[in-house]
Amino acid sequence: MAKIILAGGSGFIGQILAAHFTGKDDEVIVLTRSSNRVVNNVKYVNWNAATIGNWVAELENCDVLINLNGKSVNCRYNDKNKKEILDSRVNATRVLGEAIRMIENAPKLWINAASATIYRYAEDRPQDEYTGELGKGFSVDVCKQWEAAFFEQDTPGVRKIGLRIAITLGRKGGVMPYYFNLAKFGLGGRQGSGKQYFSWVCENDVTGVIDFLRDHEELEGVFNVSAPNPVQNHEFMSVVRNVMKMPLGLPATKWMLAIGTRLLSTEAELVLKSRWVVPTRLQEAGYVFKVPYIKDAVKLSSL
């Protein structure tokens, strides 16, 4: 039985990982802003993700620490939200590093789960860990500062891995309910030009990749967690319509998306940015994706 700590593990990916690890009979502890409790064999421990507290003791003899903490980016990018998006990620990462330096028996592996949106807008070629070009703008700046805060932590003897996770598709949350509803109401056509790339990963591979990295102790550094077959937006929406048995779907122009996302208190960038990200390092290391094609991932998400 391994001891797994999920910092900020109350969200979509955190709950996927909690269910996965408890299914393997691992001890799972989630650091959360809510109250201390035990639910479905998961121990929830309160922390504020910014300062040292009683939660530090939970890190003793931990096998894997996975940091998922961060305010959702599904919001308007006003000054207040921008500050919270950045601070929630950087502060949590720094205080975890401080906590590791305080304890006697540090985690064997520290994984920082960040975002594949760190790469530039790309319709011309795929972006990988070796030749990918980092982008510009608020979202990219957050990713850069988040990764910098992680890798600058002085934690001798702790193997460190930074994950650049693509948009995660799963059964109990994430982005798929939004896309399924669009298709259901006849709005499942292309978004914008439809040529922008959609890099994605199935929840089965998020857990699979972490298991793989946990087992391969020689691996460290940055890894793209993205299925090897990204698709363009028009292809993705076609798959969504087919799964929902909706043969037609009205397209959404950029100006329609700008209005719609404002009404939904989110940002059009989340839909319109072309993310063409590929998992070169994982494939070189021998990881075989369980769900490499978008059709299968969307079907699984609809169950």
Protein backbone atom coordinates (compact mmCIF):
# COMPACT_ATOMS: atom_id res chain seq x y z
CA MET A 1 0.00 0.00 0.00
CA ALA A 2 1.39 3.38 -1.04
CA LYS A 3 0.65 6.72 0.58
CA ILE A 4 -0.61 9.27 -1.95
CA ILE A 5 -1.14 12.97 -1.19
CA LEU A 6 -3.35 15.01 -3.53
CA ALA A 7 -2.87 18.70 -2.82
CA GLY A 8 -5.94 20.56 -4.05
CA GLY A 9 -7.48 17.24 -5.00
CA SER A 10 -11.16 18.15 -4.71
CA GLY A 11 -11.59 19.04 -8.39
CA PHE A 12 -12.24 17.01 -11.52
CA ILE A 13 -8.79 15.46 -11.97
CA GLY A 14 -8.27 15.11 -8.23
CA GLN A 15 -11.41 13.03 -7.84
CA ILE A 16 -10.40 10.84 -10.79
CA LEU A 17 -7.06 10.18 -9.12
CA ALA A 18 -8.59 9.63 -5.67
CA ALA A 19 -10.94 6.97 -7.05
CA HIS A 20 -8.11 5.37 -9.01
CA PHE A 21 -5.71 5.10 -6.09
CA THR A 22 -8.30 3.93 -3.56
CA GLY A 23 -9.23 1.27 -6.12
CA LYS A 24 -5.62 0.08 -5.87
CA ASP A 25 -5.91 0.02 -2.06
CA ASP A 26 -3.51 2.93 -1.67
CA GLU A 27 -3.84 5.35 1.23
CA VAL A 28 -5.19 8.61 -0.23
CA ILE A 29 -5.06 11.96 1.54
CA VAL A 30 -6.53 15.08 -0.08
CA LEU A 31 -5.43 18.51 1.08
CA THR A 32 -8.52 20.68 0.81
CA ARG A 33 -9.89 24.04 1.89
CA SER A 34 -12.96 22.30 3.34
CA SER A 35 -13.22 20.52 6.70
CA ASN A 36 -11.40 17.40 7.88
CA ARG A 37 -13.35 14.24 7.09
CA VAL A 38 -13.15 10.75 5.60
CA VAL A 39 -15.31 9.92 2.57
CA ASN A 40 -15.12 6.71 0.50
CA ASN A 41 -11.79 5.75 2.10
CA VAL A 42 -10.28 9.15 1.24
CA LYS A 43 -8.99 11.28 4.10
CA TYR A 44 -9.58 15.01 3.58
CA VAL A 45 -7.27 17.33 5.53
CA ASN A 46 -7.76 21.09 5.72
CA TRP A 47 -5.11 23.49 4.41
CA ASN A 48 -5.20 27.00 2.99
CA ALA A 49 -2.69 26.27 0.21
CA ALA A 50 -0.53 29.20 1.25
CA THR A 51 0.86 28.77 4.77
CA ILE A 52 2.38 26.05 6.93
CA GLY A 53 -0.07 24.26 9.24
CA ASN A 54 -0.93 20.93 10.85
CA TRP A 55 -1.33 19.43 7.36
CA VAL A 56 2.46 19.25 6.98
CA ALA A 57 2.59 16.10 9.13
CA GLU A 58 0.62 14.23 6.46
CA LEU A 59 3.60 14.47 4.09
CA GLU A 60 5.80 12.28 6.30
CA ASN A 61 6.66 9.00 4.54
CA CYS A 62 4.53 9.91 1.53
CA ASP A 63 5.27 7.90 -1.61
CA VAL A 64 3.75 10.31 -4.12
CA LEU A 65 2.75 13.97 -3.71
CA ILE A 66 0.62 15.33 -6.55
CA ASN A 67 -0.05 19.06 -6.60
CA LEU A 68 -3.27 19.96 -8.41
CA ASN A 69 -4.05 23.17 -6.57
CA GLY A 70 -5.36 26.16 -8.51
CA LYS A 71 -8.42 28.32 -9.01
CA SER A 72 -10.42 27.25 -12.06
CA VAL A 73 -9.56 29.11 -15.27
CA ASN A 74 -13.19 28.83 -16.33
CA CYS A 75 -13.94 32.45 -15.41
CA ARG A 76 -13.59 35.98 -16.73
CA TYR A 77 -10.00 37.18 -16.74
CA ASN A 78 -10.51 40.33 -14.69
CA ASP A 79 -7.78 41.58 -12.35
CA LYS A 80 -9.20 39.84 -9.28
CA ASN A 81 -9.54 36.47 -10.98
CA LYS A 82 -6.14 36.74 -12.65
CA LYS A 83 -4.48 37.30 -9.29
CA GLU A 84 -6.30 34.34 -7.74
CA ILE A 85 -5.50 32.06 -10.69
CA LEU A 86 -1.78 32.84 -10.41
CA ASP A 87 -1.43 33.05 -6.63
CA SER A 88 -3.38 29.85 -5.97
CA ARG A 89 -0.90 27.89 -8.10
CA VAL A 90 2.40 29.54 -7.21
CA ASN A 91 1.73 29.90 -3.47
CA ALA A 92 0.61 26.29 -3.08
CA THR A 93 3.69 25.04 -4.91
CA ARG A 94 6.04 27.12 -2.77
CA VAL A 95 4.46 26.13 0.53
CA LEU A 96 4.64 22.45 -0.44
CA GLY A 97 8.35 22.89 -1.08
CA GLU A 98 8.73 24.55 2.31
CA ALA A 99 6.80 21.72 3.97
CA ILE A 100 8.99 19.07 2.34
CA ARG A 101 12.09 20.76 3.74
CA MET A 102 10.56 20.67 7.24
CA ILE A 103 9.86 16.94 7.48
CA GLU A 104 12.25 14.06 8.12
CA ASN A 105 11.01 11.64 5.47
CA ALA A 106 10.24 13.49 2.24
CA PRO A 107 8.03 12.19 -0.59
CA LYS A 108 9.80 9.89 -3.03
CA LEU A 109 8.07 11.56 -5.98
CA TRP A 110 6.58 15.04 -6.33
CA ILE A 111 4.38 15.62 -9.36
CA ASN A 112 3.21 19.12 -10.25
CA ALA A 113 0.18 18.96 -12.52
CA ALA A 114 0.23 22.02 -14.77
CA SER A 115 -1.12 22.77 -18.26
CA ALA A 116 -0.31 22.11 -21.91
CA THR A 117 -1.54 25.60 -22.72
CA ILE A 118 2.01 26.76 -21.99
CA TYR A 119 2.77 26.28 -25.70
CA ARG A 120 2.04 28.89 -28.35
CA TYR A 121 -0.97 28.96 -30.67
CA ALA A 122 -0.03 26.31 -33.24
CA GLU A 123 -1.65 25.33 -36.52
CA ASP A 124 1.66 24.84 -38.35
CA ARG A 125 3.35 22.03 -36.40
CA PRO A 126 3.03 19.98 -33.21
CA GLN A 127 4.62 21.14 -29.97
CA ASP A 128 6.58 18.69 -27.85
CA GLU A 129 8.95 18.87 -24.89
CA TYR A 130 12.03 19.27 -27.10
CA THR A 131 11.11 21.70 -29.87
CA GLY A 132 7.86 23.20 -28.62
CA GLU A 133 7.76 26.99 -28.41
CA LEU A 134 6.28 28.62 -25.34
CA GLY A 135 3.56 31.15 -26.03
CA LYS A 136 2.64 34.59 -24.73
CA GLY A 137 -0.26 36.04 -22.79
CA PHE A 138 -1.82 35.63 -19.37
CA SER A 139 -2.48 31.87 -19.43
CA VAL A 140 1.02 31.11 -20.65
CA ASP A 141 2.57 33.43 -18.07
CA VAL A 142 0.72 31.56 -15.32
CA CYS A 143 2.06 28.25 -16.61
CA LYS A 144 5.62 29.59 -16.79
CA GLN A 145 5.55 30.99 -13.27
CA TRP A 146 3.90 27.82 -11.94
CA GLU A 147 6.60 25.59 -13.43
CA ALA A 148 9.35 27.95 -12.28
CA ALA A 149 8.02 27.88 -8.71
CA PHE A 150 8.05 24.08 -8.83
CA PHE A 151 11.49 23.44 -10.28
CA GLU A 152 13.18 26.12 -8.17
CA GLN A 153 12.22 24.31 -4.96
CA ASP A 154 15.31 22.83 -3.29
CA THR A 155 14.16 19.35 -2.27
CA PRO A 156 17.18 16.99 -2.34
CA GLY A 157 16.34 13.33 -2.85
CA VAL A 158 12.85 14.05 -4.20
CA ARG A 159 12.21 13.04 -7.81
CA LYS A 160 10.29 15.86 -9.49
CA ILE A 161 8.03 15.67 -12.54
CA GLY A 162 6.08 18.52 -14.12
CA LEU A 163 3.04 17.45 -16.13
CA ARG A 164 1.73 19.63 -18.95
CA ILE A 165 -1.77 18.19 -19.06
CA ALA A 166 -4.03 18.69 -22.07
CA ILE A 167 -7.80 19.15 -21.78
CA THR A 168 -8.95 16.10 -19.83
CA LEU A 169 -12.01 14.19 -21.03
CA GLY A 170 -13.93 12.11 -18.52
CA ARG A 171 -17.26 10.83 -17.32
CA LYS A 172 -17.97 12.99 -14.29
CA GLY A 173 -17.18 16.57 -15.17
CA GLY A 174 -14.61 18.55 -17.06
CA VAL A 175 -15.47 20.05 -20.45
CA MET A 176 -17.56 17.28 -21.97
CA PRO A 177 -20.95 18.17 -20.41
CA TYR A 178 -20.58 21.59 -22.07
CA TYR A 179 -19.92 20.07 -25.50
CA PHE A 180 -22.65 17.45 -25.13
CA ASN A 181 -25.17 20.17 -24.28
CA LEU A 182 -24.13 22.21 -27.32
CA ALA A 183 -24.75 19.20 -29.55
CA LYS A 184 -28.04 18.38 -27.83
CA PHE A 185 -29.41 21.85 -28.58
CA GLY A 186 -28.25 21.84 -32.19
CA LEU A 187 -25.21 24.06 -31.60
CA GLY A 188 -22.55 21.41 -32.12
CA GLY A 189 -20.95 22.84 -35.25
CA ARG A 190 -17.40 24.09 -35.64
CA GLN A 191 -16.27 26.89 -33.34
CA GLY A 192 -14.52 29.81 -34.96
CA SER A 193 -12.65 28.63 -38.06
CA GLY A 194 -12.76 25.04 -36.82
CA LYS A 195 -9.12 24.67 -37.86
CA GLN A 196 -7.68 25.19 -34.38
CA TYR A 197 -6.23 22.04 -32.86
CA PHE A 198 -7.78 20.40 -29.83
CA SER A 199 -5.23 18.55 -27.71
CA TRP A 200 -6.90 16.24 -25.25
CA VAL A 201 -6.28 13.28 -22.96
CA CYS A 202 -8.71 10.69 -21.60
CA GLU A 203 -9.02 10.30 -17.84
CA ASN A 204 -7.85 6.67 -18.24
CA ASP A 205 -4.52 7.96 -19.51
CA VAL A 206 -4.13 10.61 -16.81
CA THR A 207 -4.15 7.79 -14.26
CA GLY A 208 -2.16 5.52 -16.58
CA VAL A 209 0.59 8.08 -17.10
CA ILE A 210 0.95 8.77 -13.39
CA ASP A 211 1.20 5.03 -12.65
CA PHE A 212 3.81 4.71 -15.40
CA LEU A 213 5.89 7.62 -14.12
CA ARG A 214 5.62 6.33 -10.58
CA ASP A 215 7.00 2.94 -11.64
CA HIS A 216 9.81 4.32 -13.82
CA GLU A 217 12.12 5.85 -11.25
CA GLU A 218 14.62 6.98 -13.90
CA LEU A 219 12.16 9.53 -15.31
CA GLU A 220 11.98 13.16 -14.20
CA GLY A 221 11.47 16.64 -15.64
CA VAL A 222 8.65 17.83 -17.91
CA PHE A 223 6.18 15.54 -19.70
CA ASN A 224 3.29 16.40 -22.01
CA VAL A 225 0.20 14.46 -20.96
CA SER A 226 -1.73 14.61 -24.21
CA ALA A 227 -3.08 11.90 -26.48
CA PRO A 228 -0.86 11.25 -29.53
CA ASN A 229 -3.65 12.13 -31.97
CA PRO A 230 -4.87 15.73 -31.52
CA VAL A 231 -7.70 16.77 -33.83
CA GLN A 232 -8.94 20.02 -35.27
CA ASN A 233 -12.01 21.58 -33.72
CA HIS A 234 -14.30 20.72 -36.63
CA GLU A 235 -13.30 17.03 -36.33
CA PHE A 236 -13.85 17.05 -32.59
CA MET A 237 -17.30 18.60 -32.89
CA SER A 238 -18.22 16.07 -35.58
CA VAL A 239 -17.35 13.25 -33.18
CA VAL A 240 -19.39 14.87 -30.41
CA ARG A 241 -22.42 15.16 -32.73
CA ASN A 242 -22.07 11.53 -33.82
CA VAL A 243 -21.90 10.27 -30.25
CA MET A 244 -24.96 12.37 -29.39
CA LYS A 245 -26.71 11.18 -32.57
CA MET A 246 -27.16 14.74 -33.79
CA PRO A 247 -26.40 14.84 -37.54
CA LEU A 248 -26.37 18.64 -37.77
CA GLY A 249 -24.99 21.42 -35.64
CA LEU A 250 -24.91 25.17 -36.14
CA PRO A 251 -21.41 26.68 -36.23
CA ALA A 252 -20.34 29.41 -33.82
CA THR A 253 -18.40 32.36 -35.22
CA LYS A 254 -15.76 34.18 -33.19
CA TRP A 255 -18.12 37.05 -32.39
CA MET A 256 -20.82 34.63 -31.26
CA LEU A 257 -18.31 32.88 -29.00
CA ALA A 258 -17.16 36.22 -27.60
CA ILE A 259 -20.73 37.06 -26.59
CA GLY A 260 -21.55 33.55 -25.39
CA THR A 261 -18.48 33.13 -23.23
CA ARG A 262 -19.01 36.55 -21.68
CA LEU A 263 -22.57 35.55 -20.75
CA LEU A 264 -21.18 32.33 -19.26
CA SER A 265 -18.49 34.29 -17.36
CA THR A 266 -15.61 32.55 -19.09
CA GLU A 267 -13.10 33.25 -21.90
CA ALA A 268 -13.30 32.49 -25.64
CA GLU A 269 -9.58 31.64 -25.57
CA LEU A 270 -10.45 28.34 -23.91
CA VAL A 271 -12.20 27.30 -27.13
CA LEU A 272 -10.35 29.20 -29.85
CA LYS A 273 -6.68 28.66 -28.97
CA SER A 274 -5.04 26.08 -31.24
CA ARG A 275 -3.32 23.59 -28.94
CA TRP A 276 -1.30 21.08 -30.99
CA VAL A 277 0.58 19.21 -28.27
CA VAL A 278 2.14 15.75 -28.55
CA PRO A 279 3.59 13.40 -25.87
CA THR A 280 7.04 12.70 -27.30
CA ARG A 281 8.82 11.99 -24.01
CA LEU A 282 6.15 9.59 -22.75
CA GLN A 283 6.20 7.63 -25.98
CA GLU A 284 9.99 7.53 -26.01
CA ALA A 285 9.88 6.12 -22.48
CA GLY A 286 7.53 3.36 -23.63
CA TYR A 287 4.13 4.52 -22.43
CA VAL A 288 1.30 3.14 -24.59
CA PHE A 289 -1.85 5.23 -24.53
CA LYS A 290 -5.00 3.37 -23.50
CA VAL A 291 -7.30 5.76 -25.41
CA PRO A 292 -5.34 7.23 -28.34
CA TYR A 293 -8.29 8.29 -30.51
CA ILE A 294 -10.84 11.02 -29.88
CA LYS A 295 -13.87 8.95 -30.90
CA ASP A 296 -13.23 6.44 -28.12
CA ALA A 297 -12.54 9.16 -25.55
CA VAL A 298 -15.79 10.99 -26.32
CA LYS A 299 -17.75 7.73 -26.19
CA LEU A 300 -16.27 6.89 -22.79
CA SER A 301 -17.11 10.38 -21.54
CA SER A 302 -20.75 9.93 -22.53
CA LEU A 303 -21.30 6.78 -20.47
